[in-house]
């Protein structure tokens, strides 16, 4: 595995978000923080989700997104204001992407151990936050979705921490899972 590290640690609490369906409560707005935060079994210290029926929980406790995707999204969307946390991720990570991360991979990040569980599937709140009604479709079809993880060992994580694959998963890559989702009607 090539060198990988945390570019940014991002958290946010639920707040009103204007959508095409009216104003809803959402935790999608994440901002970078300085210093270390505890990554706990259900989320990152200082972070929360608004709708626990579809976000958060044991298998979606931490959301990671590849830093390298930001330049491409900025060009494709014609926006210079995209930066870490914009897609609702807790960890903006450089050096890994959906083609190199497998479901089941165990990653040591700072003092925490995480296990990759699934790709992120976009919701209408992401589209509203980005400001494009078609963004759910663009995001999924790009296959630049990032991934969720469960927390195997709680611990402090901060920007600059190395990401080390301690165990290779035996599942498909995150990209392969998304490709399969796109094949389904």
N, C-alpha and C. Protein backbone atom coordinates (compact mmCIF):
# COMPACT_ATOMS: atom_id res chain seq x y z
N UNK A 1 0.85 -1.18 0.00
CA UNK A 1 0.00 0.00 0.00
C UNK A 1 0.89 1.23 0.00
N UNK A 2 0.59 2.17 -0.87
CA UNK A 2 1.33 3.42 -0.94
C UNK A 2 1.09 4.22 0.34
N UNK A 3 1.91 5.21 0.56
CA UNK A 3 1.74 6.07 1.74
C UNK A 3 0.37 6.74 1.70
N UNK A 4 -0.31 6.72 2.82
CA UNK A 4 -1.62 7.36 2.94
C UNK A 4 -1.68 8.06 4.28
N UNK A 5 -2.43 9.15 4.34
CA UNK A 5 -2.53 9.92 5.56
C UNK A 5 -3.83 10.72 5.60
N UNK A 6 -4.17 11.18 6.80
CA UNK A 6 -5.36 12.00 7.01
C UNK A 6 -5.00 13.45 6.67
N UNK A 7 -5.65 13.98 5.66
CA UNK A 7 -5.45 15.38 5.29
C UNK A 7 -6.25 16.27 6.23
N UNK A 8 -7.46 15.83 6.56
CA UNK A 8 -8.35 16.64 7.39
C UNK A 8 -9.29 15.75 8.18
N UNK A 9 -9.52 16.15 9.42
CA UNK A 9 -10.52 15.52 10.29
C UNK A 9 -11.68 16.50 10.37
N UNK A 10 -12.90 16.03 10.05
CA UNK A 10 -14.05 16.93 9.89
C UNK A 10 -15.22 16.46 10.74
N UNK A 11 -15.88 17.42 11.39
CA UNK A 11 -17.05 17.10 12.20
C UNK A 11 -18.13 18.16 12.00
N UNK A 12 -19.33 17.81 12.39
CA UNK A 12 -20.45 18.75 12.33
C UNK A 12 -21.62 18.21 13.10
N UNK A 13 -22.49 19.11 13.51
CA UNK A 13 -23.71 18.71 14.22
C UNK A 13 -24.91 19.04 13.34
N UNK A 14 -26.01 18.33 13.52
CA UNK A 14 -27.18 18.58 12.68
C UNK A 14 -27.65 20.03 12.76
N UNK A 15 -28.04 20.53 11.59
CA UNK A 15 -28.60 21.87 11.49
C UNK A 15 -29.52 21.92 10.29
N UNK A 16 -30.35 22.94 10.19
CA UNK A 16 -31.30 23.02 9.08
C UNK A 16 -30.59 23.12 7.72
N UNK A 17 -31.13 22.39 6.75
CA UNK A 17 -30.61 22.40 5.39
C UNK A 17 -31.80 22.56 4.44
N UNK A 18 -31.72 23.55 3.57
CA UNK A 18 -32.79 23.77 2.60
C UNK A 18 -32.61 22.80 1.44
N UNK A 19 -33.66 22.06 1.13
CA UNK A 19 -33.64 21.08 0.05
C UNK A 19 -34.86 21.28 -0.83
N UNK A 20 -34.91 20.55 -1.93
CA UNK A 20 -36.09 20.57 -2.79
C UNK A 20 -37.32 20.00 -2.10
N UNK A 21 -37.12 19.32 -0.98
CA UNK A 21 -38.22 18.73 -0.21
C UNK A 21 -38.56 19.58 1.00
N UNK A 22 -38.06 20.81 1.05
CA UNK A 22 -38.26 21.69 2.19
C UNK A 22 -37.02 21.69 3.07
N UNK A 23 -37.12 22.31 4.21
CA UNK A 23 -35.99 22.38 5.13
C UNK A 23 -35.99 21.14 6.02
N UNK A 24 -34.84 20.48 6.08
CA UNK A 24 -34.69 19.28 6.91
C UNK A 24 -33.48 19.45 7.80
N UNK A 25 -33.42 18.67 8.83
CA UNK A 25 -32.26 18.64 9.72
C UNK A 25 -31.22 17.71 9.11
N UNK A 26 -29.96 18.16 9.05
CA UNK A 26 -28.91 17.35 8.45
C UNK A 26 -27.58 17.58 9.15
N UNK A 27 -26.79 16.51 9.21
CA UNK A 27 -25.44 16.59 9.76
C UNK A 27 -24.40 16.58 8.65
N UNK A 28 -24.79 16.86 7.41
CA UNK A 28 -23.85 16.76 6.29
C UNK A 28 -22.79 17.84 6.29
N UNK A 29 -23.07 18.98 6.89
CA UNK A 29 -22.09 20.06 6.90
C UNK A 29 -21.01 19.73 7.92
N UNK A 30 -19.83 19.45 7.40
CA UNK A 30 -18.68 19.10 8.25
C UNK A 30 -17.59 20.14 8.01
N UNK A 31 -16.90 20.51 9.07
CA UNK A 31 -15.79 21.45 8.95
C UNK A 31 -14.54 20.84 9.57
N UNK A 32 -13.39 21.17 8.98
CA UNK A 32 -12.13 20.66 9.53
C UNK A 32 -11.88 21.18 10.95
N UNK A 33 -11.29 20.33 11.77
CA UNK A 33 -10.93 20.71 13.14
C UNK A 33 -9.43 20.52 13.32
N UNK A 34 -8.89 21.26 14.26
CA UNK A 34 -7.47 21.10 14.60
C UNK A 34 -7.36 20.21 15.82
N UNK A 35 -6.22 19.58 15.96
CA UNK A 35 -6.01 18.70 17.10
C UNK A 35 -6.65 17.35 16.91
N UNK A 36 -6.50 16.53 17.91
CA UNK A 36 -7.02 15.16 17.87
C UNK A 36 -8.44 15.09 18.40
N UNK A 37 -9.19 14.15 17.88
CA UNK A 37 -10.55 13.84 18.36
C UNK A 37 -10.63 12.33 18.56
N UNK A 38 -11.45 11.94 19.52
CA UNK A 38 -11.69 10.51 19.74
C UNK A 38 -12.63 9.97 18.66
N UNK A 39 -12.20 8.88 18.08
CA UNK A 39 -13.08 8.14 17.18
C UNK A 39 -13.69 7.06 18.05
N UNK A 40 -14.99 7.13 18.20
CA UNK A 40 -15.71 6.22 19.07
C UNK A 40 -16.53 5.22 18.26
N UNK A 41 -17.10 4.27 18.94
CA UNK A 41 -17.84 3.18 18.30
C UNK A 41 -18.90 3.65 17.32
N UNK A 42 -19.57 4.78 17.62
CA UNK A 42 -20.66 5.24 16.77
C UNK A 42 -20.38 6.52 15.99
N UNK A 43 -19.29 7.22 16.30
CA UNK A 43 -18.97 8.43 15.54
C UNK A 43 -17.67 9.06 16.04
N UNK A 44 -17.37 10.20 15.48
CA UNK A 44 -16.19 10.96 15.88
C UNK A 44 -16.64 12.01 16.90
N UNK A 45 -15.85 12.20 17.93
CA UNK A 45 -16.15 13.21 18.95
C UNK A 45 -16.47 14.55 18.29
N UNK A 46 -17.63 15.12 18.65
CA UNK A 46 -18.04 16.41 18.10
C UNK A 46 -18.86 16.30 16.83
N UNK A 47 -19.12 15.07 16.37
CA UNK A 47 -19.88 14.85 15.15
C UNK A 47 -21.20 14.17 15.50
N UNK A 48 -22.22 14.42 14.68
CA UNK A 48 -23.51 13.77 14.90
C UNK A 48 -24.26 13.68 13.58
N UNK A 49 -25.21 12.78 13.52
CA UNK A 49 -26.06 12.60 12.36
C UNK A 49 -27.49 12.95 12.76
N UNK A 50 -28.27 13.43 11.79
CA UNK A 50 -29.64 13.83 12.07
C UNK A 50 -30.62 12.67 11.93
N UNK A 51 -30.42 11.82 10.93
CA UNK A 51 -31.35 10.74 10.65
C UNK A 51 -30.64 9.40 10.81
N UNK A 52 -30.74 8.83 11.99
CA UNK A 52 -30.03 7.59 12.29
C UNK A 52 -30.63 6.37 11.61
N UNK A 53 -31.74 6.53 10.90
CA UNK A 53 -32.28 5.39 10.16
C UNK A 53 -31.48 5.14 8.89
N UNK A 54 -30.76 6.14 8.39
CA UNK A 54 -29.98 5.97 7.17
C UNK A 54 -28.52 6.40 7.30
N UNK A 55 -28.18 7.11 8.36
CA UNK A 55 -26.80 7.57 8.55
C UNK A 55 -26.30 7.12 9.91
N UNK A 56 -25.00 6.94 10.02
CA UNK A 56 -24.41 6.57 11.29
C UNK A 56 -24.68 5.12 11.65
N UNK A 57 -24.50 4.81 12.91
CA UNK A 57 -24.64 3.44 13.37
C UNK A 57 -23.31 2.72 13.34
N UNK A 58 -23.30 1.51 13.83
CA UNK A 58 -22.07 0.75 13.97
C UNK A 58 -21.33 0.58 12.65
N UNK A 59 -22.03 0.23 11.57
CA UNK A 59 -21.36 -0.04 10.30
C UNK A 59 -21.08 1.21 9.46
N UNK A 60 -21.58 2.36 9.91
CA UNK A 60 -21.33 3.63 9.20
C UNK A 60 -20.90 4.70 10.21
N UNK A 61 -20.03 4.30 11.12
CA UNK A 61 -19.60 5.21 12.19
C UNK A 61 -18.68 6.31 11.68
N UNK A 62 -17.85 6.00 10.69
CA UNK A 62 -16.88 6.96 10.16
C UNK A 62 -16.94 6.91 8.63
N UNK A 63 -17.00 8.09 8.03
CA UNK A 63 -17.03 8.19 6.57
C UNK A 63 -15.72 8.82 6.10
N UNK A 64 -15.03 8.14 5.18
CA UNK A 64 -13.77 8.61 4.62
C UNK A 64 -13.94 8.94 3.15
N UNK A 65 -13.24 10.00 2.71
CA UNK A 65 -13.32 10.41 1.31
C UNK A 65 -11.93 10.77 0.81
N UNK A 66 -11.57 10.31 -0.39
CA UNK A 66 -10.24 10.59 -0.93
C UNK A 66 -10.04 12.07 -1.28
N UNK A 67 -8.97 12.63 -0.78
CA UNK A 67 -8.61 14.02 -1.03
C UNK A 67 -8.41 14.29 -2.52
N UNK A 68 -7.84 13.33 -3.22
CA UNK A 68 -7.53 13.51 -4.63
C UNK A 68 -8.76 13.79 -5.49
N UNK A 69 -9.92 13.40 -5.05
CA UNK A 69 -11.15 13.63 -5.83
C UNK A 69 -11.56 15.10 -5.87
N UNK A 70 -11.11 15.88 -4.91
CA UNK A 70 -11.55 17.27 -4.84
C UNK A 70 -11.17 18.09 -6.06
N UNK A 71 -9.97 17.92 -6.58
CA UNK A 71 -9.55 18.68 -7.76
C UNK A 71 -10.45 18.36 -8.96
N UNK A 72 -10.76 17.09 -9.11
CA UNK A 72 -11.61 16.69 -10.24
C UNK A 72 -13.02 17.25 -10.10
N UNK A 73 -13.59 17.17 -8.89
CA UNK A 73 -14.93 17.73 -8.68
C UNK A 73 -14.93 19.24 -8.90
N UNK A 74 -13.89 19.92 -8.43
CA UNK A 74 -13.81 21.37 -8.63
C UNK A 74 -13.86 21.71 -10.12
N UNK A 75 -13.10 20.96 -10.92
CA UNK A 75 -13.08 21.19 -12.37
C UNK A 75 -14.44 20.84 -13.00
N UNK A 76 -14.99 19.69 -12.64
CA UNK A 76 -16.25 19.25 -13.24
C UNK A 76 -17.43 20.14 -12.87
N UNK A 77 -17.43 20.64 -11.64
CA UNK A 77 -18.55 21.46 -11.18
C UNK A 77 -18.30 22.95 -11.38
N UNK A 78 -17.08 23.30 -11.79
CA UNK A 78 -16.74 24.71 -11.97
C UNK A 78 -16.75 25.48 -10.66
N UNK A 79 -16.25 24.85 -9.60
CA UNK A 79 -16.27 25.48 -8.27
C UNK A 79 -14.89 25.44 -7.65
N UNK A 80 -14.49 26.57 -7.12
CA UNK A 80 -13.19 26.66 -6.45
C UNK A 80 -13.33 26.55 -4.94
N UNK A 81 -14.56 26.43 -4.44
CA UNK A 81 -14.80 26.45 -3.00
C UNK A 81 -14.91 25.07 -2.37
N UNK A 82 -14.58 24.03 -3.12
CA UNK A 82 -14.69 22.67 -2.57
C UNK A 82 -13.44 22.34 -1.76
N UNK A 83 -13.64 21.81 -0.58
CA UNK A 83 -12.51 21.42 0.25
C UNK A 83 -12.92 20.36 1.24
N UNK A 84 -11.97 19.88 2.02
CA UNK A 84 -12.25 18.80 2.97
C UNK A 84 -13.51 19.02 3.79
N UNK A 85 -14.30 17.95 3.86
CA UNK A 85 -15.55 17.96 4.60
C UNK A 85 -16.76 18.28 3.73
N UNK A 86 -16.55 18.79 2.54
CA UNK A 86 -17.66 19.23 1.67
C UNK A 86 -18.64 18.11 1.36
N UNK A 87 -18.16 16.88 1.27
CA UNK A 87 -19.05 15.77 0.93
C UNK A 87 -19.56 15.05 2.17
N UNK A 88 -19.35 15.66 3.34
CA UNK A 88 -19.87 15.11 4.58
C UNK A 88 -18.97 14.09 5.24
N UNK A 89 -17.73 14.00 4.76
CA UNK A 89 -16.82 13.00 5.32
C UNK A 89 -16.19 13.45 6.64
N UNK A 90 -15.92 12.45 7.46
CA UNK A 90 -15.18 12.68 8.71
C UNK A 90 -13.69 12.73 8.46
N UNK A 91 -13.22 11.86 7.57
CA UNK A 91 -11.79 11.78 7.28
C UNK A 91 -11.56 12.04 5.80
N UNK A 92 -10.80 13.07 5.50
CA UNK A 92 -10.36 13.31 4.13
C UNK A 92 -8.97 12.69 4.07
N UNK A 93 -8.83 11.67 3.22
CA UNK A 93 -7.61 10.85 3.21
C UNK A 93 -6.90 10.95 1.86
N UNK A 94 -5.59 11.16 1.90
CA UNK A 94 -4.77 11.15 0.68
C UNK A 94 -4.08 9.81 0.57
N UNK A 95 -3.92 9.33 -0.66
CA UNK A 95 -3.16 8.12 -0.91
C UNK A 95 -3.97 6.85 -1.04
N UNK A 96 -5.27 6.91 -0.83
CA UNK A 96 -6.16 5.75 -1.00
C UNK A 96 -7.37 6.19 -1.80
N UNK A 97 -7.91 5.28 -2.57
CA UNK A 97 -9.18 5.56 -3.24
C UNK A 97 -10.00 4.27 -3.33
N UNK A 98 -11.14 4.37 -3.98
CA UNK A 98 -12.09 3.27 -4.03
C UNK A 98 -11.54 2.05 -4.76
N UNK A 99 -10.55 2.21 -5.62
CA UNK A 99 -9.98 1.07 -6.33
C UNK A 99 -8.91 0.35 -5.51
N UNK A 100 -8.43 0.99 -4.45
CA UNK A 100 -7.37 0.38 -3.63
C UNK A 100 -7.85 -0.04 -2.25
N UNK A 101 -9.09 0.25 -1.92
CA UNK A 101 -9.64 -0.10 -0.61
C UNK A 101 -10.69 -1.18 -0.81
N UNK A 102 -10.59 -2.25 -0.02
CA UNK A 102 -11.54 -3.36 -0.11
C UNK A 102 -12.46 -3.40 1.10
N UNK A 103 -13.67 -3.88 0.87
CA UNK A 103 -14.57 -4.14 1.99
C UNK A 103 -13.88 -5.16 2.89
N UNK A 104 -13.81 -4.86 4.16
CA UNK A 104 -13.14 -5.74 5.12
C UNK A 104 -11.74 -5.29 5.49
N UNK A 105 -11.13 -4.37 4.70
CA UNK A 105 -9.81 -3.87 5.08
C UNK A 105 -9.84 -3.30 6.49
N UNK A 106 -8.80 -3.58 7.26
CA UNK A 106 -8.66 -3.00 8.59
C UNK A 106 -7.56 -1.95 8.50
N UNK A 107 -7.93 -0.72 8.83
CA UNK A 107 -7.02 0.40 8.73
C UNK A 107 -6.70 0.96 10.11
N UNK A 108 -5.42 1.13 10.37
CA UNK A 108 -4.97 1.81 11.60
C UNK A 108 -4.82 3.28 11.21
N UNK A 109 -5.58 4.13 11.89
CA UNK A 109 -5.52 5.57 11.64
C UNK A 109 -5.33 6.22 13.00
N UNK A 110 -4.15 6.79 13.20
CA UNK A 110 -3.83 7.30 14.53
C UNK A 110 -3.90 6.14 15.51
N UNK A 111 -4.62 6.34 16.60
CA UNK A 111 -4.75 5.28 17.61
C UNK A 111 -5.99 4.42 17.39
N UNK A 112 -6.77 4.72 16.36
CA UNK A 112 -8.01 3.97 16.11
C UNK A 112 -7.79 2.89 15.06
N UNK A 113 -8.60 1.83 15.15
CA UNK A 113 -8.63 0.78 14.12
C UNK A 113 -10.02 0.77 13.53
N UNK A 114 -10.10 0.89 12.20
CA UNK A 114 -11.37 0.92 11.49
C UNK A 114 -11.42 -0.22 10.50
N UNK A 115 -12.63 -0.70 10.22
CA UNK A 115 -12.81 -1.73 9.20
C UNK A 115 -13.80 -1.21 8.16
N UNK A 116 -13.36 -1.21 6.92
CA UNK A 116 -14.17 -0.73 5.81
C UNK A 116 -15.40 -1.64 5.66
N UNK A 117 -16.58 -1.01 5.56
CA UNK A 117 -17.82 -1.79 5.48
C UNK A 117 -18.55 -1.68 4.15
N UNK A 118 -18.57 -0.49 3.54
CA UNK A 118 -19.36 -0.30 2.33
C UNK A 118 -19.07 1.07 1.73
N UNK A 119 -19.42 1.23 0.44
CA UNK A 119 -19.31 2.56 -0.15
C UNK A 119 -20.44 3.45 0.36
N UNK A 120 -20.24 4.73 0.24
CA UNK A 120 -21.32 5.66 0.58
C UNK A 120 -22.25 5.74 -0.62
N UNK A 121 -23.54 5.69 -0.38
CA UNK A 121 -24.52 5.95 -1.43
C UNK A 121 -25.11 7.33 -1.13
N UNK A 122 -25.17 8.19 -2.14
CA UNK A 122 -25.58 9.58 -1.89
C UNK A 122 -27.07 9.71 -1.63
N UNK A 123 -27.42 10.78 -0.91
CA UNK A 123 -28.82 11.08 -0.64
C UNK A 123 -29.13 12.50 -1.09
N UNK A 124 -30.39 12.86 -1.02
CA UNK A 124 -30.84 14.18 -1.48
C UNK A 124 -30.19 15.31 -0.68
N UNK A 125 -29.76 15.03 0.54
CA UNK A 125 -29.12 16.07 1.35
C UNK A 125 -27.75 16.44 0.78
N UNK A 126 -27.03 15.48 0.22
CA UNK A 126 -25.75 15.78 -0.42
C UNK A 126 -26.00 16.68 -1.63
N UNK A 127 -27.00 16.37 -2.44
CA UNK A 127 -27.32 17.18 -3.61
C UNK A 127 -27.67 18.61 -3.18
N UNK A 128 -28.45 18.74 -2.14
CA UNK A 128 -28.83 20.08 -1.65
C UNK A 128 -27.61 20.84 -1.14
N UNK A 129 -26.75 20.15 -0.42
CA UNK A 129 -25.54 20.79 0.14
C UNK A 129 -24.61 21.26 -0.97
N UNK A 130 -24.47 20.47 -2.02
CA UNK A 130 -23.62 20.84 -3.16
C UNK A 130 -24.32 21.88 -4.04
N UNK A 131 -25.66 21.89 -3.98
CA UNK A 131 -26.40 22.87 -4.76
C UNK A 131 -26.73 22.44 -6.17
N UNK A 132 -26.80 21.12 -6.39
CA UNK A 132 -27.15 20.59 -7.71
C UNK A 132 -28.13 19.44 -7.55
N UNK A 133 -29.29 19.59 -8.14
CA UNK A 133 -30.33 18.56 -8.03
C UNK A 133 -29.87 17.24 -8.62
N UNK A 134 -28.98 17.27 -9.61
CA UNK A 134 -28.52 16.04 -10.27
C UNK A 134 -27.28 15.43 -9.60
N UNK A 135 -26.87 15.96 -8.46
CA UNK A 135 -25.59 15.53 -7.90
C UNK A 135 -25.61 14.10 -7.37
N UNK A 136 -26.73 13.61 -6.88
CA UNK A 136 -26.79 12.22 -6.41
C UNK A 136 -26.37 11.28 -7.53
N UNK A 137 -26.92 11.51 -8.71
CA UNK A 137 -26.62 10.67 -9.88
C UNK A 137 -25.16 10.85 -10.30
N UNK A 138 -24.70 12.09 -10.39
CA UNK A 138 -23.31 12.36 -10.78
C UNK A 138 -22.33 11.69 -9.82
N UNK A 139 -22.61 11.82 -8.53
CA UNK A 139 -21.73 11.29 -7.49
C UNK A 139 -21.61 9.77 -7.60
N UNK A 140 -22.74 9.09 -7.68
CA UNK A 140 -22.71 7.63 -7.76
C UNK A 140 -22.08 7.17 -9.07
N UNK A 141 -22.47 7.76 -10.18
CA UNK A 141 -21.92 7.35 -11.47
C UNK A 141 -20.43 7.64 -11.61
N UNK A 142 -19.92 8.61 -10.86
CA UNK A 142 -18.48 8.90 -10.89
C UNK A 142 -17.68 7.78 -10.23
N UNK A 143 -18.33 7.03 -9.37
CA UNK A 143 -17.72 5.98 -8.55
C UNK A 143 -16.70 6.56 -7.56
N UNK A 144 -16.77 7.87 -7.35
CA UNK A 144 -15.93 8.54 -6.35
C UNK A 144 -16.79 8.78 -5.11
N UNK A 145 -17.08 7.69 -4.42
CA UNK A 145 -18.06 7.71 -3.33
C UNK A 145 -17.46 7.75 -1.93
N UNK A 146 -16.20 7.35 -1.79
CA UNK A 146 -15.65 7.18 -0.46
C UNK A 146 -16.22 5.92 0.17
N UNK A 147 -15.96 5.73 1.46
CA UNK A 147 -16.40 4.50 2.12
C UNK A 147 -16.68 4.73 3.60
N UNK A 148 -17.56 3.89 4.11
CA UNK A 148 -17.88 3.87 5.54
C UNK A 148 -17.02 2.82 6.24
N UNK A 149 -16.89 3.00 7.55
CA UNK A 149 -16.14 2.03 8.35
C UNK A 149 -16.77 1.90 9.73
N UNK A 150 -16.59 0.70 10.28
CA UNK A 150 -16.95 0.47 11.69
C UNK A 150 -15.67 0.66 12.51
N UNK A 151 -15.85 0.95 13.78
CA UNK A 151 -14.71 1.19 14.66
C UNK A 151 -14.43 -0.09 15.45
N UNK A 152 -13.27 -0.67 15.21
CA UNK A 152 -12.86 -1.88 15.93
C UNK A 152 -12.18 -1.53 17.24
N UNK A 153 -11.40 -0.44 17.23
CA UNK A 153 -10.75 0.06 18.44
C UNK A 153 -10.87 1.57 18.45
N UNK A 154 -11.45 2.10 19.52
CA UNK A 154 -11.57 3.54 19.66
C UNK A 154 -10.18 4.13 19.89
N UNK A 155 -10.00 5.38 19.48
CA UNK A 155 -8.72 6.04 19.70
C UNK A 155 -8.69 7.43 19.11
N UNK A 156 -7.67 8.18 19.48
CA UNK A 156 -7.49 9.53 18.98
C UNK A 156 -6.99 9.53 17.53
N UNK A 157 -7.56 10.43 16.73
CA UNK A 157 -7.16 10.61 15.34
C UNK A 157 -7.02 12.11 15.10
N UNK A 158 -6.05 12.47 14.27
CA UNK A 158 -5.90 13.88 13.90
C UNK A 158 -5.37 14.00 12.48
N UNK A 159 -5.50 15.18 11.91
CA UNK A 159 -4.94 15.45 10.59
C UNK A 159 -3.45 15.17 10.66
N UNK A 160 -2.92 14.59 9.60
CA UNK A 160 -1.51 14.24 9.55
C UNK A 160 -1.21 12.81 9.94
N UNK A 161 -2.15 12.13 10.60
CA UNK A 161 -1.94 10.73 10.99
C UNK A 161 -1.79 9.85 9.75
N UNK A 162 -0.89 8.88 9.85
CA UNK A 162 -0.74 7.89 8.78
C UNK A 162 -1.92 6.93 8.78
N UNK A 163 -2.21 6.41 7.61
CA UNK A 163 -3.24 5.37 7.45
C UNK A 163 -2.50 4.11 7.04
N UNK A 164 -2.61 3.09 7.86
CA UNK A 164 -1.87 1.84 7.63
C UNK A 164 -2.87 0.70 7.49
N UNK A 165 -2.76 -0.06 6.42
CA UNK A 165 -3.62 -1.23 6.25
C UNK A 165 -3.01 -2.35 7.08
N UNK A 166 -3.68 -2.70 8.18
CA UNK A 166 -3.18 -3.77 9.05
C UNK A 166 -3.62 -5.14 8.58
N UNK A 167 -4.80 -5.21 7.98
CA UNK A 167 -5.31 -6.47 7.46
C UNK A 167 -6.02 -6.21 6.15
N UNK A 168 -5.74 -7.01 5.15
CA UNK A 168 -6.44 -6.89 3.87
C UNK A 168 -7.79 -7.58 3.97
N UNK A 169 -8.81 -6.90 3.49
CA UNK A 169 -10.14 -7.50 3.45
C UNK A 169 -10.22 -8.53 2.36
N UNK A 170 -11.17 -9.43 2.47
CA UNK A 170 -11.35 -10.46 1.46
C UNK A 170 -12.52 -10.15 0.55
N UNK A 171 -13.09 -8.96 0.73
CA UNK A 171 -14.22 -8.56 -0.09
C UNK A 171 -13.76 -7.85 -1.35
N UNK A 172 -14.72 -7.42 -2.14
CA UNK A 172 -14.40 -6.66 -3.35
C UNK A 172 -13.89 -5.27 -2.98
N UNK A 173 -13.31 -4.58 -3.97
CA UNK A 173 -12.94 -3.19 -3.72
C UNK A 173 -14.22 -2.37 -3.59
N UNK A 174 -14.10 -1.20 -3.00
CA UNK A 174 -15.24 -0.30 -2.90
C UNK A 174 -15.74 0.03 -4.30
N UNK A 175 -14.83 0.25 -5.24
CA UNK A 175 -15.21 0.54 -6.62
C UNK A 175 -16.01 -0.61 -7.24
N UNK A 176 -15.61 -1.84 -6.98
CA UNK A 176 -16.34 -2.99 -7.53
C UNK A 176 -17.77 -3.05 -6.97
N UNK A 177 -17.94 -2.70 -5.71
CA UNK A 177 -19.28 -2.70 -5.12
C UNK A 177 -20.14 -1.63 -5.80
N UNK A 178 -19.57 -0.45 -6.01
CA UNK A 178 -20.32 0.62 -6.67
C UNK A 178 -20.67 0.23 -8.10
N UNK A 179 -19.73 -0.38 -8.80
CA UNK A 179 -20.01 -0.83 -10.18
C UNK A 179 -21.20 -1.80 -10.19
N UNK A 180 -21.26 -2.69 -9.22
CA UNK A 180 -22.36 -3.64 -9.13
C UNK A 180 -23.67 -2.91 -8.83
N UNK A 181 -23.64 -1.92 -7.95
CA UNK A 181 -24.84 -1.13 -7.66
C UNK A 181 -25.36 -0.44 -8.92
N UNK A 182 -24.44 0.06 -9.75
CA UNK A 182 -24.82 0.75 -10.97
C UNK A 182 -25.41 -0.20 -12.02
N UNK A 183 -25.08 -1.47 -11.96
CA UNK A 183 -25.62 -2.46 -12.91
C UNK A 183 -27.08 -2.80 -12.62
N UNK A 184 -27.46 -2.62 -11.37
CA UNK A 184 -28.83 -2.99 -10.96
C UNK A 184 -29.83 -1.93 -11.46
N UNK A 185 -31.02 -2.38 -11.84
CA UNK A 185 -32.04 -1.40 -12.28
C UNK A 185 -32.53 -0.53 -11.14
